[in-house]
Amino acid sequence: MQAWHALLCLAFAVSSSASNVNVNPIRKVVGMLTDMQKELEREGAGEAALFEKTMCACEGGEKDLNKVIDDSTAAIRA
């Protein structure tokens, strides 16, 4: 999904700036790639934070589930 978004942005930027002849096209591409890199790094940081939250919830949920199982087992045996 992100690759398609980046590709569409790149295509739009190239088509919209085709009329500007005075700017170096290599510089434009390098600038667009730099912007894409920054955006991907920002998205990666957000995904890393989400992953950490998910892992924390999974670990906490497993502990809670084990406690419920132990309590239920003790209640059945009593």
PDB file of N, CA and C in Angstrom:
ATOM      1  N   MET A   1       0.830  -1.189   0.000  1.00  0.00           N
ATOM      2  CA  MET A   1       0.000   0.000   0.000  1.00  0.00           C
ATOM      3  C   MET A   1       0.877   1.256   0.000  1.00  0.00           C
ATOM      4  N   GLN A   2       1.891   1.263   0.829  1.00  0.00           N
ATOM      5  CA  GLN A   2       2.756   2.429   0.910  1.00  0.00           C
ATOM      6  C   GLN A   2       3.547   2.601  -0.374  1.00  0.00           C
ATOM      7  N   ALA A   3       3.914   1.486  -0.983  1.00  0.00           N
ATOM      8  CA  ALA A   3       4.666   1.572  -2.226  1.00  0.00           C
ATOM      9  C   ALA A   3       3.810   2.191  -3.322  1.00  0.00           C
ATOM     10  N   TRP A   4       2.538   1.813  -3.386  1.00  0.00           N
ATOM     11  CA  TRP A   4       1.639   2.409  -4.382  1.00  0.00           C
ATOM     12  C   TRP A   4       1.466   3.892  -4.131  1.00  0.00           C
ATOM     13  N   HIS A   5       1.328   4.258  -2.863  1.00  0.00           N
ATOM     14  CA  HIS A   5       1.170   5.666  -2.509  1.00  0.00           C
ATOM     15  C   HIS A   5       2.406   6.459  -2.949  1.00  0.00           C
ATOM     16  N   ALA A   6       3.570   5.915  -2.677  1.00  0.00           N
ATOM     17  CA  ALA A   6       4.807   6.596  -3.052  1.00  0.00           C
ATOM     18  C   ALA A   6       4.937   6.693  -4.565  1.00  0.00           C
ATOM     19  N   LEU A   7       4.556   5.627  -5.262  1.00  0.00           N
ATOM     20  CA  LEU A   7       4.631   5.631  -6.718  1.00  0.00           C
ATOM     21  C   LEU A   7       3.676   6.654  -7.317  1.00  0.00           C
ATOM     22  N   LEU A   8       2.468   6.737  -6.771  1.00  0.00           N
ATOM     23  CA  LEU A   8       1.506   7.725  -7.261  1.00  0.00           C
ATOM     24  C   LEU A   8       1.993   9.146  -6.994  1.00  0.00           C
ATOM     25  N   CYS A   9       2.564   9.369  -5.833  1.00  0.00           N
ATOM     26  CA  CYS A   9       3.109  10.694  -5.517  1.00  0.00           C
ATOM     27  C   CYS A   9       4.242  11.056  -6.467  1.00  0.00           C
ATOM     28  N   LEU A  10       5.086  10.087  -6.744  1.00  0.00           N
ATOM     29  CA  LEU A  10       6.196  10.319  -7.659  1.00  0.00           C
ATOM     30  C   LEU A  10       5.686  10.641  -9.062  1.00  0.00           C
ATOM     31  N   ALA A  11       4.699   9.877  -9.535  1.00  0.00           N
ATOM     32  CA  ALA A  11       4.140  10.114 -10.868  1.00  0.00           C
ATOM     33  C   ALA A  11       3.470  11.481 -10.939  1.00  0.00           C
ATOM     34  N   PHE A  12       2.742  11.846  -9.900  1.00  0.00           N
ATOM     35  CA  PHE A  12       2.076  13.140  -9.878  1.00  0.00           C
ATOM     36  C   PHE A  12       3.093  14.271  -9.867  1.00  0.00           C
ATOM     37  N   ALA A  13       4.142  14.114  -9.071  1.00  0.00           N
ATOM     38  CA  ALA A  13       5.157  15.166  -8.990  1.00  0.00           C
ATOM     39  C   ALA A  13       5.879  15.332 -10.319  1.00  0.00           C
ATOM     40  N   VAL A  14       6.163  14.242 -10.988  1.00  0.00           N
ATOM     41  CA  VAL A  14       6.845  14.324 -12.276  1.00  0.00           C
ATOM     42  C   VAL A  14       5.943  14.966 -13.318  1.00  0.00           C
ATOM     43  N   SER A  15       4.661  14.566 -13.348  1.00  0.00           N
ATOM     44  CA  SER A  15       3.754  15.120 -14.352  1.00  0.00           C
ATOM     45  C   SER A  15       3.423  16.580 -14.090  1.00  0.00           C
ATOM     46  N   SER A  16       3.320  16.972 -12.820  1.00  0.00           N
ATOM     47  CA  SER A  16       2.968  18.354 -12.514  1.00  0.00           C
ATOM     48  C   SER A  16       4.143  19.307 -12.698  1.00  0.00           C
ATOM     49  N   SER A  17       5.362  18.785 -12.615  1.00  0.00           N
ATOM     50  CA  SER A  17       6.519  19.669 -12.741  1.00  0.00           C
ATOM     51  C   SER A  17       7.172  19.557 -14.112  1.00  0.00           C
ATOM     52  N   ALA A  18       6.562  18.878 -15.050  1.00  0.00           N
ATOM     53  CA  ALA A  18       7.149  18.715 -16.378  1.00  0.00           C
ATOM     54  C   ALA A  18       7.240  20.041 -17.121  1.00  0.00           C
ATOM     55  N   SER A  19       6.390  20.989 -16.792  1.00  0.00           N
ATOM     56  CA  SER A  19       6.407  22.275 -17.488  1.00  0.00           C
ATOM     57  C   SER A  19       7.554  23.177 -17.034  1.00  0.00           C
ATOM     58  N   ASN A  20       8.142  22.911 -15.885  1.00  0.00           N
ATOM     59  CA  ASN A  20       9.234  23.729 -15.362  1.00  0.00           C
ATOM     60  C   ASN A  20      10.555  23.189 -15.919  1.00  0.00           C
ATOM     61  N   VAL A  21      11.078  23.830 -16.963  1.00  0.00           N
ATOM     62  CA  VAL A  21      12.240  23.330 -17.691  1.00  0.00           C
ATOM     63  C   VAL A  21      13.545  23.734 -17.019  1.00  0.00           C
ATOM     64  N   ASN A  22      13.571  24.796 -16.241  1.00  0.00           N
ATOM     65  CA  ASN A  22      14.805  25.347 -15.691  1.00  0.00           C
ATOM     66  C   ASN A  22      15.374  24.528 -14.530  1.00  0.00           C
ATOM     67  N   VAL A  23      14.586  23.649 -13.915  1.00  0.00           N
ATOM     68  CA  VAL A  23      15.041  22.906 -12.746  1.00  0.00           C
ATOM     69  C   VAL A  23      15.666  21.584 -13.210  1.00  0.00           C
ATOM     70  N   ASN A  24      16.769  21.221 -12.586  1.00  0.00           N
ATOM     71  CA  ASN A  24      17.479  19.995 -12.920  1.00  0.00           C
ATOM     72  C   ASN A  24      16.608  18.783 -12.560  1.00  0.00           C
ATOM     73  N   PRO A  25      16.295  17.899 -13.514  1.00  0.00           N
ATOM     74  CA  PRO A  25      15.419  16.759 -13.219  1.00  0.00           C
ATOM     75  C   PRO A  25      16.035  15.774 -12.232  1.00  0.00           C
ATOM     76  N   ILE A  26      17.333  15.629 -12.234  1.00  0.00           N
ATOM     77  CA  ILE A  26      17.969  14.727 -11.276  1.00  0.00           C
ATOM     78  C   ILE A  26      17.810  15.258  -9.865  1.00  0.00           C
ATOM     79  N   ARG A  27      17.932  16.559  -9.714  1.00  0.00           N
ATOM     80  CA  ARG A  27      17.752  17.181  -8.398  1.00  0.00           C
ATOM     81  C   ARG A  27      16.316  16.982  -7.901  1.00  0.00           C
ATOM     82  N   LYS A  28      15.356  17.051  -8.826  1.00  0.00           N
ATOM     83  CA  LYS A  28      13.954  16.818  -8.453  1.00  0.00           C
ATOM     84  C   LYS A  28      13.766  15.398  -7.933  1.00  0.00           C
ATOM     85  N   VAL A  29      14.317  14.434  -8.667  1.00  0.00           N
ATOM     86  CA  VAL A  29      14.165  13.033  -8.267  1.00  0.00           C
ATOM     87  C   VAL A  29      14.836  12.777  -6.928  1.00  0.00           C
ATOM     88  N   VAL A  30      16.022  13.329  -6.746  1.00  0.00           N
ATOM     89  CA  VAL A  30      16.721  13.160  -5.466  1.00  0.00           C
ATOM     90  C   VAL A  30      15.905  13.783  -4.334  1.00  0.00           C
ATOM     91  N   GLY A  31      15.327  14.935  -4.580  1.00  0.00           N
ATOM     92  CA  GLY A  31      14.485  15.577  -3.572  1.00  0.00           C
ATOM     93  C   GLY A  31      13.258  14.742  -3.240  1.00  0.00           C
ATOM     94  N   MET A  32      12.627  14.187  -4.266  1.00  0.00           N
ATOM     95  CA  MET A  32      11.449  13.346  -4.030  1.00  0.00           C
ATOM     96  C   MET A  32      11.824  12.078  -3.266  1.00  0.00           C
ATOM     97  N   LEU A  33      12.965  11.477  -3.617  1.00  0.00           N
ATOM     98  CA  LEU A  33      13.402  10.274  -2.908  1.00  0.00           C
ATOM     99  C   LEU A  33      13.732  10.584  -1.451  1.00  0.00           C
ATOM    100  N   THR A  34      14.326  11.737  -1.211  1.00  0.00           N
ATOM    101  CA  THR A  34      14.619  12.148   0.165  1.00  0.00           C
ATOM    102  C   THR A  34      13.336  12.331   0.956  1.00  0.00           C
ATOM    103  N   ASP A  35      12.336  12.961   0.348  1.00  0.00           N
ATOM    104  CA  ASP A  35      11.041  13.141   1.008  1.00  0.00           C
ATOM    105  C   ASP A  35      10.386  11.798   1.295  1.00  0.00           C
ATOM    106  N   MET A  36      10.475  10.880   0.335  1.00  0.00           N
ATOM    107  CA  MET A  36       9.897   9.553   0.534  1.00  0.00           C
ATOM    108  C   MET A  36      10.595   8.826   1.672  1.00  0.00           C
ATOM    109  N   GLN A  37      11.924   8.971   1.756  1.00  0.00           N
ATOM    110  CA  GLN A  37      12.673   8.323   2.823  1.00  0.00           C
ATOM    111  C   GLN A  37      12.241   8.863   4.187  1.00  0.00           C
ATOM    112  N   LYS A  38      12.085  10.166   4.291  1.00  0.00           N
ATOM    113  CA  LYS A  38      11.649  10.768   5.554  1.00  0.00           C
ATOM    114  C   LYS A  38      10.267  10.273   5.940  1.00  0.00           C
ATOM    115  N   GLU A  39       9.366  10.195   4.958  1.00  0.00           N
ATOM    116  CA  GLU A  39       8.014   9.726   5.236  1.00  0.00           C
ATOM    117  C   GLU A  39       8.021   8.266   5.687  1.00  0.00           C
ATOM    118  N   LEU A  40       8.814   7.433   5.035  1.00  0.00           N
ATOM    119  CA  LEU A  40       8.889   6.023   5.426  1.00  0.00           C
ATOM    120  C   LEU A  40       9.492   5.860   6.815  1.00  0.00           C
ATOM    121  N   GLU A  41      10.481   6.670   7.151  1.00  0.00           N
ATOM    122  CA  GLU A  41      11.063   6.610   8.492  1.00  0.00           C
ATOM    123  C   GLU A  41      10.039   7.027   9.539  1.00  0.00           C
ATOM    124  N   ARG A  42       9.250   8.056   9.217  1.00  0.00           N
ATOM    125  CA  ARG A  42       8.216   8.512  10.152  1.00  0.00           C
ATOM    126  C   ARG A  42       7.157   7.420  10.336  1.00  0.00           C
ATOM    127  N   GLU A  43       6.730   6.806   9.246  1.00  0.00           N
ATOM    128  CA  GLU A  43       5.743   5.732   9.340  1.00  0.00           C
ATOM    129  C   GLU A  43       6.308   4.534  10.088  1.00  0.00           C
ATOM    130  N   GLY A  44       7.588   4.234   9.868  1.00  0.00           N
ATOM    131  CA  GLY A  44       8.225   3.120  10.562  1.00  0.00           C
ATOM    132  C   GLY A  44       8.262   3.338  12.061  1.00  0.00           C
ATOM    133  N   ALA A  45       8.521   4.567  12.471  1.00  0.00           N
ATOM    134  CA  ALA A  45       8.537   4.871  13.908  1.00  0.00           C
ATOM    135  C   ALA A  45       7.147   4.681  14.508  1.00  0.00           C
ATOM    136  N   GLY A  46       6.114   5.103  13.777  1.00  0.00           N
ATOM    137  CA  GLY A  46       4.748   4.910  14.256  1.00  0.00           C
ATOM    138  C   GLY A  46       4.382   3.442  14.346  1.00  0.00           C
ATOM    139  N   GLU A  47       4.806   2.660  13.365  1.00  0.00           N
ATOM    140  CA  GLU A  47       4.521   1.228  13.384  1.00  0.00           C
ATOM    141  C   GLU A  47       5.287   0.527  14.497  1.00  0.00           C
ATOM    142  N   ALA A  48       6.502   0.976  14.778  1.00  0.00           N
ATOM    143  CA  ALA A  48       7.281   0.390  15.864  1.00  0.00           C
ATOM    144  C   ALA A  48       6.595   0.645  17.203  1.00  0.00           C
ATOM    145  N   ALA A  49       6.074   1.840  17.386  1.00  0.00           N
ATOM    146  CA  ALA A  49       5.366   2.155  18.633  1.00  0.00           C
ATOM    147  C   ALA A  49       4.108   1.304  18.755  1.00  0.00           C
ATOM    148  N   LEU A  50       3.383   1.137  17.668  1.00  0.00           N
ATOM    149  CA  LEU A  50       2.183   0.303  17.680  1.00  0.00           C
ATOM    150  C   LEU A  50       2.538  -1.150  17.984  1.00  0.00           C
ATOM    151  N   PHE A  51       3.628  -1.634  17.416  1.00  0.00           N
ATOM    152  CA  PHE A  51       4.080  -3.000  17.677  1.00  0.00           C
ATOM    153  C   PHE A  51       4.393  -3.186  19.162  1.00  0.00           C
ATOM    154  N   GLU A  52       5.081  -2.216  19.767  1.00  0.00           N
ATOM    155  CA  GLU A  52       5.409  -2.303  21.187  1.00  0.00           C
ATOM    156  C   GLU A  52       4.143  -2.347  22.050  1.00  0.00           C
ATOM    157  N   LYS A  53       3.152  -1.532  21.707  1.00  0.00           N
ATOM    158  CA  LYS A  53       1.904  -1.543  22.455  1.00  0.00           C
ATOM    159  C   LYS A  53       1.203  -2.889  22.324  1.00  0.00           C
ATOM    160  N   THR A  54       1.226  -3.451  21.124  1.00  0.00           N
ATOM    161  CA  THR A  54       0.584  -4.738  20.888  1.00  0.00           C
ATOM    162  C   THR A  54       1.286  -5.840  21.670  1.00  0.00           C
ATOM    163  N   MET A  55       2.604  -5.837  21.655  1.00  0.00           N
ATOM    164  CA  MET A  55       3.352  -6.857  22.391  1.00  0.00           C
ATOM    165  C   MET A  55       3.094  -6.747  23.887  1.00  0.00           C
ATOM    166  N   CYS A  56       3.001  -5.536  24.379  1.00  0.00           N
ATOM    167  CA  CYS A  56       2.720  -5.334  25.800  1.00  0.00           C
ATOM    168  C   CYS A  56       1.340  -5.893  26.140  1.00  0.00           C
ATOM    169  N   ALA A  57       0.362  -5.637  25.275  1.00  0.00           N
ATOM    170  CA  ALA A  57      -0.986  -6.138  25.510  1.00  0.00           C
ATOM    171  C   ALA A  57      -1.012  -7.663  25.449  1.00  0.00           C
ATOM    172  N   CYS A  58      -0.256  -8.238  24.534  1.00  0.00           N
ATOM    173  CA  CYS A  58      -0.226  -9.703  24.411  1.00  0.00           C
ATOM    174  C   CYS A  58       0.398 -10.337  25.641  1.00  0.00           C
ATOM    175  N   GLU A  59       1.499  -9.777  26.106  1.00  0.00           N
ATOM    176  CA  GLU A  59       2.160 -10.327  27.286  1.00  0.00           C
ATOM    177  C   GLU A  59       1.284 -10.175  28.522  1.00  0.00           C
ATOM    178  N   GLY A  60       0.654  -9.031  28.678  1.00  0.00           N
ATOM    179  CA  GLY A  60      -0.234  -8.802  29.816  1.00  0.00           C
ATOM    180  C   GLY A  60      -1.464  -9.683  29.743  1.00  0.00           C
ATOM    181  N   GLY A  61      -1.997  -9.874  28.555  1.00  0.00           N
ATOM    182  CA  GLY A  61      -3.175 -10.720  28.378  1.00  0.00           C
ATOM    183  C   GLY A  61      -2.877 -12.163  28.713  1.00  0.00           C
ATOM    184  N   GLU A  62      -1.676 -12.639  28.374  1.00  0.00           N
ATOM    185  CA  GLU A  62      -1.296 -14.018  28.684  1.00  0.00           C
ATOM    186  C   GLU A  62      -1.201 -14.226  30.191  1.00  0.00           C
ATOM    187  N   LYS A  63      -0.641 -13.262  30.903  1.00  0.00           N
ATOM    188  CA  LYS A  63      -0.544 -13.360  32.360  1.00  0.00           C
ATOM    189  C   LYS A  63      -1.933 -13.381  32.987  1.00  0.00           C
ATOM    190  N   ASP A  64      -2.820 -12.521  32.513  1.00  0.00           N
ATOM    191  CA  ASP A  64      -4.182 -12.487  33.038  1.00  0.00           C
ATOM    192  C   ASP A  64      -4.915 -13.799  32.758  1.00  0.00           C
ATOM    193  N   LEU A  65      -4.747 -14.327  31.563  1.00  0.00           N
ATOM    194  CA  LEU A  65      -5.395 -15.581  31.199  1.00  0.00           C
ATOM    195  C   LEU A  65      -4.888 -16.727  32.059  1.00  0.00           C
ATOM    196  N   ASN A  66      -3.588 -16.790  32.294  1.00  0.00           N
ATOM    197  CA  ASN A  66      -3.037 -17.840  33.155  1.00  0.00           C
ATOM    198  C   ASN A  66      -3.557 -17.730  34.578  1.00  0.00           C
ATOM    199  N   LYS A  67      -3.735 -16.508  35.059  1.00  0.00           N
ATOM    200  CA  LYS A  67      -4.276 -16.311  36.410  1.00  0.00           C
ATOM    201  C   LYS A  67      -5.720 -16.805  36.480  1.00  0.00           C
ATOM    202  N   VAL A  68      -6.513 -16.504  35.475  1.00  0.00           N
ATOM    203  CA  VAL A  68      -7.904 -16.964  35.452  1.00  0.00           C
ATOM    204  C   VAL A  68      -7.952 -18.486  35.399  1.00  0.00           C
ATOM    205  N   ILE A  69      -7.084 -19.083  34.597  1.00  0.00           N
ATOM    206  CA  ILE A  69      -7.047 -20.551  34.506  1.00  0.00           C
ATOM    207  C   ILE A  69      -6.669 -21.150  35.852  1.00  0.00           C
ATOM    208  N   ASP A  70      -5.658 -20.615  36.514  1.00  0.00           N
ATOM    209  CA  ASP A  70      -5.231 -21.123  37.819  1.00  0.00           C
ATOM    210  C   ASP A  70      -6.345 -20.954  38.851  1.00  0.00           C
ATOM    211  N   ASP A  71      -7.014 -19.806  38.872  1.00  0.00           N
ATOM    212  CA  ASP A  71      -8.103 -19.571  39.817  1.00  0.00           C
ATOM    213  C   ASP A  71      -9.273 -20.519  39.552  1.00  0.00           C
ATOM    214  N   SER A  72      -9.587 -20.734  38.305  1.00  0.00           N
ATOM    215  CA  SER A  72     -10.704 -21.628  37.952  1.00  0.00           C
ATOM    216  C   SER A  72     -10.369 -23.068  38.312  1.00  0.00           C
ATOM    217  N   THR A  73      -9.135 -23.462  38.074  1.00  0.00           N
ATOM    218  CA  THR A  73      -8.711 -24.824  38.422  1.00  0.00           C
ATOM    219  C   THR A  73      -8.769 -25.028  39.932  1.00  0.00           C
ATOM    220  N   ALA A  74      -8.319 -24.031  40.676  1.00  0.00           N
ATOM    221  CA  ALA A  74      -8.367 -24.125  42.143  1.00  0.00           C
ATOM    222  C   ALA A  74      -9.814 -24.180  42.631  1.00  0.00           C
ATOM    223  N   ALA A  75     -10.712 -23.437  42.003  1.00  0.00           N
ATOM    224  CA  ALA A  75     -12.120 -23.420  42.409  1.00  0.00           C
ATOM    225  C   ALA A  75     -12.787 -24.770  42.111  1.00  0.00           C
ATOM    226  N   ILE A  76     -12.402 -25.394  41.008  1.00  0.00           N
ATOM    227  CA  ILE A  76     -12.982 -26.702  40.655  1.00  0.00           C
ATOM    228  C   ILE A  76     -12.519 -27.770  41.617  1.00  0.00           C
ATOM    229  N   ARG A  77     -11.258 -27.735  42.012  1.00  0.00           N
ATOM    230  CA  ARG A  77     -10.700 -28.735  42.925  1.00  0.00           C
ATOM    231  C   ARG A  77     -11.187 -28.557  44.349  1.00  0.00           C
ATOM    232  N   ALA A  78     -11.654 -27.382  44.686  1.00  0.00           N
ATOM    233  CA  ALA A  78     -12.072 -27.108  46.072  1.00  0.00           C
ATOM    234  C   ALA A  78     -13.440 -27.608  46.382  1.00  0.00           C
TER     235      ALA A  78
END
